[in-house]
C-alpha atoms as a PDB file:
ATOM      1  CA  MET A   1       0.012   0.276   0.048  1.00  0.00           C
ATOM      2  CA  ILE A   2       2.714   2.400   0.938  1.00  0.00           C
ATOM      3  CA  ARG A   3       4.535   1.359  -2.169  1.00  0.00           C
ATOM      4  CA  LYS A   4       1.412   2.472  -4.643  1.00  0.00           C
ATOM      5  CA  LEU A   5       1.020   5.645  -2.592  1.00  0.00           C
ATOM      6  CA  ARG A   6       4.467   7.022  -3.083  1.00  0.00           C
ATOM      7  CA  PRO A   7       3.860   8.449  -6.509  1.00  0.00           C
ATOM      8  CA  VAL A   8       0.947  10.095  -5.305  1.00  0.00           C
ATOM      9  CA  ILE A   9       2.311  12.233  -2.485  1.00  0.00           C
ATOM     10  CA  ILE A  10       5.476  12.831  -5.125  1.00  0.00           C
ATOM     11  CA  TYR A  11       3.204  14.160  -7.181  1.00  0.00           C
ATOM     12  CA  PHE A  12       1.551  16.240  -5.092  1.00  0.00           C
ATOM     13  CA  PHE A  13       4.787  17.976  -3.650  1.00  0.00           C
ATOM     14  CA  PHE A  14       5.382  19.275  -7.041  1.00  0.00           C
ATOM     15  CA  ALA A  15       1.792  19.696  -8.032  1.00  0.00           C
ATOM     16  CA  GLY A  16       1.615  22.090  -4.886  1.00  0.00           C
ATOM     17  CA  LEU A  17       4.753  24.018  -6.399  1.00  0.00           C
ATOM     18  CA  LEU A  18       3.002  24.607  -9.347  1.00  0.00           C
ATOM     19  CA  PHE A  19      -0.214  26.213  -7.611  1.00  0.00           C
ATOM     20  CA  SER A  20       2.148  28.339  -5.393  1.00  0.00           C
ATOM     21  CA  SER A  21       4.103  30.097  -8.303  1.00  0.00           C
ATOM     22  CA  CYS A  22       3.277  32.885 -10.661  1.00  0.00           C
ATOM     23  CA  LEU A  23       4.136  33.142 -13.953  1.00  0.00           C
ATOM     24  CA  PRO A  24       5.083  36.849 -14.780  1.00  0.00           C
ATOM     25  CA  THR A  25       4.660  38.367 -18.094  1.00  0.00           C
ATOM     26  CA  LYS A  26       6.376  40.760 -20.096  1.00  0.00           C
ATOM     27  CA  ASN A  27       4.038  43.224 -19.469  1.00  0.00           C
ATOM     28  CA  ASN A  28       3.143  43.350 -16.005  1.00  0.00           C
ATOM     29  CA  PRO A  29       5.770  40.920 -14.040  1.00  0.00           C
ATOM     30  CA  ASP A  30       3.753  40.967 -11.102  1.00  0.00           C
ATOM     31  CA  THR A  31       0.859  38.964 -13.058  1.00  0.00           C
ATOM     32  CA  CYS A  32       0.141  35.213 -12.128  1.00  0.00           C
ATOM     33  CA  ILE A  33      -1.392  32.977 -14.464  1.00  0.00           C
ATOM     34  CA  LEU A  34      -3.745  30.959 -12.325  1.00  0.00           C
ATOM     35  CA  PRO A  35      -5.180  27.386 -12.967  1.00  0.00           C
ATOM     36  CA  ALA A  36      -8.715  28.312 -12.890  1.00  0.00           C
ATOM     37  CA  HIS A  37     -11.149  28.384 -15.695  1.00  0.00           C
ATOM     38  CA  SER A  38     -14.108  30.688 -16.754  1.00  0.00           C
ATOM     39  CA  HIS A  39     -17.401  28.602 -17.118  1.00  0.00           C
ATOM     40  CA  ASN A  40     -19.783  30.084 -19.111  1.00  0.00           C
ATOM     41  CA  ASP A  41     -17.391  32.689 -19.855  1.00  0.00           C
ATOM     42  CA  TYR A  42     -19.940  34.041 -22.166  1.00  0.00           C
ATOM     43  CA  GLU A  43     -22.771  35.414 -19.151  1.00  0.00           C
ATOM     44  CA  GLN A  44     -19.653  37.461 -17.719  1.00  0.00           C
ATOM     45  CA  ALA A  45     -20.297  41.797 -17.978  1.00  0.00           C
ATOM     46  CA  LYS A  46     -16.873  41.212 -20.177  1.00  0.00           C
ATOM     47  CA  PRO A  47     -16.629  37.727 -22.104  1.00  0.00           C
ATOM     48  CA  LEU A  48     -13.177  36.953 -22.411  1.00  0.00           C
ATOM     49  CA  PHE A  49     -11.653  39.724 -21.128  1.00  0.00           C
ATOM     50  CA  GLU A  50     -13.419  39.313 -17.221  1.00  0.00           C
ATOM     51  CA  ALA A  51     -11.256  36.748 -17.101  1.00  0.00           C
ATOM     52  CA  LEU A  52      -8.066  37.422 -18.766  1.00  0.00           C
ATOM     53  CA  ASP A  53      -8.276  40.912 -16.214  1.00  0.00           C
ATOM     54  CA  HIS A  54      -8.379  37.935 -13.373  1.00  0.00           C
ATOM     55  CA  ASN A  55      -5.741  36.176 -14.835  1.00  0.00           C
ATOM     56  CA  PHE A  56      -7.452  32.664 -15.845  1.00  0.00           C
ATOM     57  CA  ARG A  57      -5.688  30.268 -17.888  1.00  0.00           C
ATOM     58  CA  SER A  58      -9.113  28.902 -19.463  1.00  0.00           C
ATOM     59  CA  VAL A  59     -12.309  30.346 -21.423  1.00  0.00           C
ATOM     60  CA  GLU A  60     -15.324  28.492 -21.970  1.00  0.00           C
ATOM     61  CA  ALA A  61     -17.726  29.193 -24.989  1.00  0.00           C
ATOM     62  CA  ASP A  62     -20.992  27.186 -25.688  1.00  0.00           C
ATOM     63  CA  VAL A  63     -21.316  27.427 -29.312  1.00  0.00           C
ATOM     64  CA  HIS A  64     -24.659  26.580 -32.161  1.00  0.00           C
ATOM     65  CA  LEU A  65     -24.363  26.117 -35.583  1.00  0.00           C
ATOM     66  CA  ILE A  66     -27.093  28.347 -37.196  1.00  0.00           C
ATOM     67  CA  GLY A  67     -26.335  28.191 -41.029  1.00  0.00           C
ATOM     68  CA  ASP A  68     -22.898  29.448 -41.496  1.00  0.00           C
ATOM     69  CA  SER A  69     -21.924  31.171 -38.596  1.00  0.00           C
ATOM     70  CA  LEU A  70     -21.501  29.297 -34.910  1.00  0.00           C
ATOM     71  CA  PHE A  71     -23.115  31.281 -32.245  1.00  0.00           C
ATOM     72  CA  VAL A  72     -22.396  31.793 -28.200  1.00  0.00           C
ATOM     73  CA  ALA A  73     -25.244  30.934 -26.086  1.00  0.00           C
ATOM     74  CA  HIS A  74     -25.785  28.238 -23.390  1.00  0.00           C
ATOM     75  CA  GLY A  75     -29.189  27.717 -25.315  1.00  0.00           C
ATOM     76  CA  SER A  76     -30.749  27.587 -28.541  1.00  0.00           C
ATOM     77  CA  LYS A  77     -33.324  30.280 -27.120  1.00  0.00           C
ATOM     78  CA  GLU A  78     -30.847  32.885 -26.205  1.00  0.00           C
ATOM     79  CA  ILE A  79     -28.509  33.489 -28.963  1.00  0.00           C
ATOM     80  CA  LYS A  80     -28.526  36.934 -30.249  1.00  0.00           C
ATOM     81  CA  PRO A  81     -27.343  38.999 -33.464  1.00  0.00           C
ATOM     82  CA  GLY A  82     -23.709  39.359 -33.428  1.00  0.00           C
ATOM     83  CA  ARG A  83     -22.616  36.884 -30.777  1.00  0.00           C
ATOM     84  CA  THR A  84     -20.377  34.766 -32.569  1.00  0.00           C
ATOM     85  CA  LEU A  85     -17.224  32.457 -31.461  1.00  0.00           C
ATOM     86  CA  CYS A  86     -15.131  34.798 -33.812  1.00  0.00           C
ATOM     87  CA  SER A  87     -16.223  38.474 -32.557  1.00  0.00           C
ATOM     88  CA  LEU A  88     -16.581  37.142 -28.675  1.00  0.00           C
ATOM     89  CA  TYR A  89     -13.400  35.291 -28.397  1.00  0.00           C
ATOM     90  CA  LEU A  90     -11.175  34.374 -32.085  1.00  0.00           C
ATOM     91  CA  ASP A  91     -10.905  38.138 -33.384  1.00  0.00           C
ATOM     92  CA  PRO A  92     -10.068  39.928 -29.777  1.00  0.00           C
ATOM     93  CA  LEU A  93      -7.984  36.779 -29.197  1.00  0.00           C
ATOM     94  CA  LYS A  94      -5.929  37.332 -32.523  1.00  0.00           C
ATOM     95  CA  LYS A  95      -5.044  41.167 -31.397  1.00  0.00           C
ATOM     96  CA  LEU A  96      -4.139  40.617 -28.177  1.00  0.00           C
ATOM     97  CA  VAL A  97      -1.939  37.966 -29.509  1.00  0.00           C
ATOM     98  CA  GLU A  98      -0.077  40.064 -32.142  1.00  0.00           C
ATOM     99  CA  GLN A  99      -0.031  42.922 -29.548  1.00  0.00           C
ATOM    100  CA  ASN A 100       1.540  40.705 -26.838  1.00  0.00           C
ATOM    101  CA  ASN A 101       4.787  39.419 -28.431  1.00  0.00           C
ATOM    102  CA  GLY A 102       3.261  35.875 -29.497  1.00  0.00           C
ATOM    103  CA  SER A 103       1.101  35.206 -27.000  1.00  0.00           C
ATOM    104  CA  VAL A 104      -2.210  36.108 -24.730  1.00  0.00           C
ATOM    105  CA  TYR A 105      -0.491  37.652 -21.665  1.00  0.00           C
ATOM    106  CA  GLY A 106       2.802  38.435 -23.426  1.00  0.00           C
ATOM    107  CA  ASN A 107       4.707  35.549 -21.704  1.00  0.00           C
ATOM    108  CA  GLY A 108       4.873  32.626 -23.902  1.00  0.00           C
ATOM    109  CA  GLU A 109       2.051  31.000 -21.519  1.00  0.00           C
ATOM    110  CA  GLU A 110      -0.402  29.069 -23.543  1.00  0.00           C
ATOM    111  CA  VAL A 111      -4.254  29.495 -22.751  1.00  0.00           C
ATOM    112  CA  ILE A 112      -7.265  27.216 -23.526  1.00  0.00           C
ATOM    113  CA  LEU A 113     -10.348  28.161 -25.184  1.00  0.00           C
ATOM    114  CA  LEU A 114     -12.603  25.430 -24.413  1.00  0.00           C
ATOM    115  CA  ILE A 115     -15.920  25.262 -26.752  1.00  0.00           C
ATOM    116  CA  ASP A 116     -18.650  23.143 -26.132  1.00  0.00           C
ATOM    117  CA  LEU A 117     -20.574  22.177 -28.834  1.00  0.00           C
ATOM    118  CA  LYS A 118     -24.159  22.498 -28.103  1.00  0.00           C
ATOM    119  CA  SER A 119     -25.875  21.156 -31.514  1.00  0.00           C
ATOM    120  CA  GLU A 120     -24.995  18.382 -33.273  1.00  0.00           C
ATOM    121  CA  GLY A 121     -21.568  17.111 -33.004  1.00  0.00           C
ATOM    122  CA  LEU A 122     -19.971  16.487 -36.475  1.00  0.00           C
ATOM    123  CA  PRO A 123     -21.487  19.415 -38.568  1.00  0.00           C
ATOM    124  CA  THR A 124     -20.811  21.868 -36.113  1.00  0.00           C
ATOM    125  CA  TYR A 125     -17.296  20.592 -35.383  1.00  0.00           C
ATOM    126  CA  LYS A 126     -16.536  20.807 -39.375  1.00  0.00           C
ATOM    127  CA  LEU A 127     -17.759  24.300 -39.427  1.00  0.00           C
ATOM    128  CA  LEU A 128     -15.688  25.277 -36.421  1.00  0.00           C
ATOM    129  CA  ASP A 129     -12.383  23.351 -38.376  1.00  0.00           C
ATOM    130  CA  SER A 130     -12.849  25.364 -41.247  1.00  0.00           C
ATOM    131  CA  VAL A 131     -13.130  28.588 -39.318  1.00  0.00           C
ATOM    132  CA  LEU A 132     -10.045  27.693 -36.652  1.00  0.00           C
ATOM    133  CA  GLN A 133      -8.236  27.917 -39.902  1.00  0.00           C
ATOM    134  CA  ASP A 134      -8.518  31.235 -40.311  1.00  0.00           C
ATOM    135  CA  TYR A 135      -6.595  31.835 -36.579  1.00  0.00           C
ATOM    136  CA  LYS A 136      -3.939  29.336 -37.411  1.00  0.00           C
ATOM    137  CA  SER A 137      -1.279  31.670 -36.450  1.00  0.00           C
ATOM    138  CA  ILE A 138      -2.367  31.877 -32.756  1.00  0.00           C
ATOM    139  CA  LEU A 139      -3.620  28.523 -32.501  1.00  0.00           C
ATOM    140  CA  THR A 140      -2.134  25.245 -30.911  1.00  0.00           C
ATOM    141  CA  SER A 141      -1.922  22.314 -34.173  1.00  0.00           C
ATOM    142  CA  TYR A 142      -1.975  18.418 -33.581  1.00  0.00           C
ATOM    143  CA  LYS A 143      -0.053  17.217 -36.910  1.00  0.00           C
ATOM    144  CA  GLU A 144       0.557  13.498 -37.232  1.00  0.00           C
ATOM    145  CA  GLY A 145       0.657  13.107 -33.434  1.00  0.00           C
ATOM    146  CA  GLU A 146       2.668  15.903 -32.679  1.00  0.00           C
ATOM    147  CA  LYS A 147       1.724  18.898 -31.047  1.00  0.00           C
ATOM    148  CA  ILE A 148       2.842  22.280 -32.231  1.00  0.00           C
ATOM    149  CA  GLN A 149       1.984  24.939 -29.034  1.00  0.00           C
ATOM    150  CA  GLY A 150       0.774  28.222 -30.380  1.00  0.00           C
ATOM    151  CA  ALA A 151      -0.968  31.164 -28.248  1.00  0.00           C
ATOM    152  CA  VAL A 152      -4.324  29.179 -28.278  1.00  0.00           C
ATOM    153  CA  ASN A 153      -5.238  25.640 -27.416  1.00  0.00           C
ATOM    154  CA  VAL A 154      -8.679  25.165 -28.664  1.00  0.00           C
ATOM    155  CA  ILE A 155     -10.416  21.935 -26.668  1.00  0.00           C
ATOM    156  CA  VAL A 156     -13.741  20.978 -27.670  1.00  0.00           C
ATOM    157  CA  SER A 157     -16.053  19.779 -25.600  1.00  0.00           C
ATOM    158  CA  GLY A 158     -19.576  19.083 -25.560  1.00  0.00           C
ATOM    159  CA  ASN A 159     -21.046  16.885 -28.906  1.00  0.00           C
ATOM    160  CA  ARG A 160     -17.281  15.709 -29.318  1.00  0.00           C
ATOM    161  CA  PRO A 161     -16.904  13.828 -32.813  1.00  0.00           C
ATOM    162  CA  TYR A 162     -14.417  11.921 -31.463  1.00  0.00           C
ATOM    163  CA  GLU A 163     -13.597   9.226 -34.500  1.00  0.00           C
ATOM    164  CA  TYR A 164     -13.668  12.104 -37.032  1.00  0.00           C
ATOM    165  CA  MET A 165     -11.163  14.219 -35.180  1.00  0.00           C
ATOM    166  CA  LYS A 166      -8.999  11.048 -34.119  1.00  0.00           C
ATOM    167  CA  ASN A 167      -8.731  10.268 -38.112  1.00  0.00           C
ATOM    168  CA  GLN A 168      -7.434  13.648 -38.853  1.00  0.00           C
ATOM    169  CA  THR A 169      -3.844  14.113 -39.965  1.00  0.00           C
ATOM    170  CA  LEU A 170      -3.850  17.857 -38.704  1.00  0.00           C
ATOM    171  CA  ARG A 171      -5.997  19.450 -36.145  1.00  0.00           C
ATOM    172  CA  TYR A 172      -6.646  23.092 -34.768  1.00  0.00           C
ATOM    173  CA  ALA A 173      -8.762  21.793 -31.707  1.00  0.00           C
ATOM    174  CA  ALA A 174      -8.290  18.739 -29.131  1.00  0.00           C
ATOM    175  CA  TYR A 175     -10.291  16.849 -27.562  1.00  0.00           C
ATOM    176  CA  ASP A 176     -11.690  16.747 -24.145  1.00  0.00           C
ATOM    177  CA  GLY A 177     -12.015  13.530 -22.530  1.00  0.00           C
ATOM    178  CA  ARG A 178     -14.019  12.281 -19.469  1.00  0.00           C
ATOM    179  CA  ILE A 179     -13.325  10.194 -16.791  1.00  0.00           C
ATOM    180  CA  GLU A 180     -14.432   6.810 -18.401  1.00  0.00           C
ATOM    181  CA  ASP A 181     -11.392   7.959 -21.065  1.00  0.00           C
ATOM    182  CA  LEU A 182      -8.972   8.170 -18.491  1.00  0.00           C
ATOM    183  CA  ASP A 183      -7.731   4.485 -18.968  1.00  0.00           C
ATOM    184  CA  LYS A 184      -8.092   4.239 -22.667  1.00  0.00           C
ATOM    185  CA  ASN A 185      -5.038   5.191 -23.260  1.00  0.00           C
ATOM    186  CA  ILE A 186      -5.779   7.751 -25.951  1.00  0.00           C
ATOM    187  CA  PRO A 187      -2.694  10.133 -26.781  1.00  0.00           C
ATOM    188  CA  SER A 188      -2.398  13.342 -25.075  1.00  0.00           C
ATOM    189  CA  THR A 189      -1.768  14.894 -28.774  1.00  0.00           C
ATOM    190  CA  LEU A 190      -5.515  14.089 -29.411  1.00  0.00           C
ATOM    191  CA  MET A 191      -7.088  14.144 -25.544  1.00  0.00           C
ATOM    192  CA  PRO A 192      -5.036  17.084 -23.327  1.00  0.00           C
ATOM    193  CA  MET A 193      -7.736  17.607 -21.014  1.00  0.00           C
ATOM    194  CA  VAL A 194     -10.478  14.742 -19.239  1.00  0.00           C
ATOM    195  CA  SER A 195     -13.400  16.930 -17.955  1.00  0.00           C
ATOM    196  CA  ASP A 196     -16.306  15.482 -15.709  1.00  0.00           C
ATOM    197  CA  ASP A 197     -19.240  16.421 -13.279  1.00  0.00           C
ATOM    198  CA  TRP A 198     -18.167  16.537  -9.948  1.00  0.00           C
ATOM    199  CA  ARG A 199     -21.833  14.903  -8.951  1.00  0.00           C
ATOM    200  CA  LEU A 200     -21.281  11.956 -10.930  1.00  0.00           C
ATOM    201  CA  PHE A 201     -18.361  10.555  -8.329  1.00  0.00           C
ATOM    202  CA  PHE A 202     -18.354  13.321  -5.049  1.00  0.00           C
ATOM    203  CA  SER A 203     -21.789  13.412  -2.849  1.00  0.00           C
ATOM    204  CA  TRP A 204     -19.356  15.954  -0.849  1.00  0.00           C
ATOM    205  CA  LYS A 205     -20.554  19.447  -1.079  1.00  0.00           C
ATOM    206  CA  GLY A 206     -17.822  21.336   0.955  1.00  0.00           C
ATOM    207  CA  GLN A 207     -19.738  20.768   4.241  1.00  0.00           C
ATOM    208  CA  GLY A 208     -18.107  18.771   7.150  1.00  0.00           C
ATOM    209  CA  GLU A 209     -14.818  16.817   6.356  1.00  0.00           C
ATOM    210  CA  PHE A 210     -14.207  15.391   2.821  1.00  0.00           C
ATOM    211  CA  PRO A 211     -15.233  11.422   3.198  1.00  0.00           C
ATOM    212  CA  SER A 212     -12.364   9.796   3.112  1.00  0.00           C
ATOM    213  CA  HIS A 213     -13.293   7.225   0.246  1.00  0.00           C
ATOM    214  CA  GLU A 214     -13.947  10.307  -2.184  1.00  0.00           C
ATOM    215  CA  LYS A 215     -10.693  12.187  -0.940  1.00  0.00           C
ATOM    216  CA  GLU A 216      -8.989   8.513  -2.335  1.00  0.00           C
ATOM    217  CA  LEU A 217     -10.985   8.924  -5.710  1.00  0.00           C
ATOM    218  CA  LEU A 218     -10.008  12.311  -6.025  1.00  0.00           C
ATOM    219  CA  ASP A 219      -6.487  10.897  -5.710  1.00  0.00           C
ATOM    220  CA  LEU A 220      -6.841   8.303  -7.772  1.00  0.00           C
ATOM    221  CA  PHE A 221      -8.303  10.487 -10.736  1.00  0.00           C
ATOM    222  CA  VAL A 222      -5.205  12.709 -10.375  1.00  0.00           C
ATOM    223  CA  MET A 223      -2.584  10.227 -10.656  1.00  0.00           C
ATOM    224  CA  ARG A 224      -4.600   8.593 -13.590  1.00  0.00           C
ATOM    225  CA  ALA A 225      -5.127  11.905 -15.090  1.00  0.00           C
ATOM    226  CA  SER A 226      -1.190  12.827 -14.516  1.00  0.00           C
ATOM    227  CA  GLU A 227       0.542   9.743 -15.827  1.00  0.00           C
ATOM    228  CA  LYS A 228      -1.296   9.819 -19.188  1.00  0.00           C
ATOM    229  CA  GLY A 229      -0.298  13.702 -19.359  1.00  0.00           C
ATOM    230  CA  TYR A 230      -3.839  15.009 -19.265  1.00  0.00           C
ATOM    231  CA  LEU A 231      -5.141  18.015 -17.560  1.00  0.00           C
ATOM    232  CA  LEU A 232      -8.029  17.260 -15.254  1.00  0.00           C
ATOM    233  CA  ARG A 233     -11.042  19.369 -14.601  1.00  0.00           C
ATOM    234  CA  PHE A 234     -14.875  19.345 -12.631  1.00  0.00           C
ATOM    235  CA  TRP A 235     -17.982  21.137 -13.480  1.00  0.00           C
ATOM    236  CA  SER A 236     -20.385  21.799 -11.418  1.00  0.00           C
ATOM    237  CA  THR A 237     -18.777  21.712  -8.431  1.00  0.00           C
ATOM    238  CA  PRO A 238     -20.895  23.540  -5.483  1.00  0.00           C
ATOM    239  CA  ASN A 239     -21.104  27.313  -5.708  1.00  0.00           C
ATOM    240  CA  THR A 240     -22.906  27.983  -2.916  1.00  0.00           C
ATOM    241  CA  PRO A 241     -22.639  28.844  -0.138  1.00  0.00           C
ATOM    242  CA  PRO A 242     -19.162  30.388  -0.563  1.00  0.00           C
ATOM    243  CA  GLU A 243     -17.785  28.750   2.872  1.00  0.00           C
ATOM    244  CA  GLN A 244     -18.716  24.858   1.322  1.00  0.00           C
ATOM    245  CA  ARG A 245     -17.475  26.342  -2.375  1.00  0.00           C
ATOM    246  CA  ASN A 246     -14.259  27.766  -0.793  1.00  0.00           C
ATOM    247  CA  ALA A 247     -13.551  23.981   0.793  1.00  0.00           C
ATOM    248  CA  VAL A 248     -14.419  21.818  -2.714  1.00  0.00           C
ATOM    249  CA  TRP A 249     -11.688  24.592  -4.108  1.00  0.00           C
ATOM    250  CA  ASN A 250      -9.528  23.802  -1.312  1.00  0.00           C
ATOM    251  CA  GLU A 251      -9.548  20.094  -1.829  1.00  0.00           C
ATOM    252  CA  LEU A 252      -9.161  20.287  -5.339  1.00  0.00           C
ATOM    253  CA  LYS A 253      -5.856  22.689  -4.953  1.00  0.00           C
ATOM    254  CA  ASN A 254      -4.174  20.577  -2.641  1.00  0.00           C
ATOM    255  CA  ALA A 255      -5.024  16.818  -4.470  1.00  0.00           C
ATOM    256  CA  GLY A 256      -4.000  18.542  -7.655  1.00  0.00           C
ATOM    257  CA  VAL A 257      -6.512  19.246  -9.991  1.00  0.00           C
ATOM    258  CA  ASP A 258      -5.141  21.183 -13.029  1.00  0.00           C
ATOM    259  CA  ILE A 259      -7.946  23.208 -13.888  1.00  0.00           C
ATOM    260  CA  ILE A 260     -10.163  24.858 -11.052  1.00  0.00           C
ATOM    261  CA  GLY A 261     -13.625  25.876 -12.660  1.00  0.00           C
ATOM    262  CA  THR A 262     -16.156  28.703 -11.476  1.00  0.00           C
ATOM    263  CA  ASP A 263     -18.942  31.467 -12.678  1.00  0.00           C
ATOM    264  CA  GLU A 264     -17.573  33.608  -9.842  1.00  0.00           C
ATOM    265  CA  ILE A 265     -14.644  35.167 -11.507  1.00  0.00           C
ATOM    266  CA  SER A 266     -13.422  37.674  -8.235  1.00  0.00           C
ATOM    267  CA  ASP A 267     -13.905  34.774  -6.002  1.00  0.00           C
ATOM    268  CA  LEU A 268     -11.838  32.378  -7.654  1.00  0.00           C
ATOM    269  CA  GLN A 269      -8.850  34.548  -7.994  1.00  0.00           C
ATOM    270  CA  GLU A 270      -8.800  35.779  -4.620  1.00  0.00           C
ATOM    271  CA  PHE A 271      -8.950  32.111  -3.247  1.00  0.00           C
ATOM    272  CA  PHE A 272      -6.141  31.604  -5.325  1.00  0.00           C
ATOM    273  CA  MET A 273      -4.291  34.948  -4.517  1.00  0.00           C
ATOM    274  CA  SER A 274      -5.037  34.634  -0.609  1.00  0.00           C
ATOM    275  CA  ARG A 275      -3.463  30.781  -0.617  1.00  0.00           C
END
């Protein structure tokens, strides 16, 4: 048992170093890029920029295929004219990269644009693939199983066409896996991230002690993801009250979960900076 736990302990040590370190940018040496994800980012007062102003590493946009455009909205009834993936995210990101010497924050670090396909997977992805080619100068690409790092790593979630993406020899987007994919030996150049619903695996909502068997399960997920080179993220973690939400964030951070998501951008930044 001790022998099995030792790699986990070593990983937690280095994960702690990563979480406590600041990544200075050229424009602002005091800026720390946080292992944080802006869930449903398009619902913020300033989509994209709110998250970047708070030094988040990752933002999320839900997209719907309407005609020959990709509109950003949670549901199809919430689609509004002009709110497209290009106007809200890709165009501003391209401008920032051009202004900041080839990266979003100006320090050479890659940021994540998680695109959740809400409409039918294959046609939506095919249009996305075509759109992304117009922004290839700023995007991480994947060619014949090799990653070529760019300023923005697009990761596709939601209705993901796995077989189609797997068979592409050149992609400008990667696949967002699920916990069930951890043991399928999918290369990290196809699936760099594994995301799943917290509620499917954990009953704890941040009140009282984290049950030991659930903590061990979280540690196991972290270890498996780390061994395969995947980033690990959960959605639908408890959000209220703040005390319970912070308790869950603390367990995620201590376990070494790579990306912590929220709708409350300022609160998550404060959580990280206070630690």
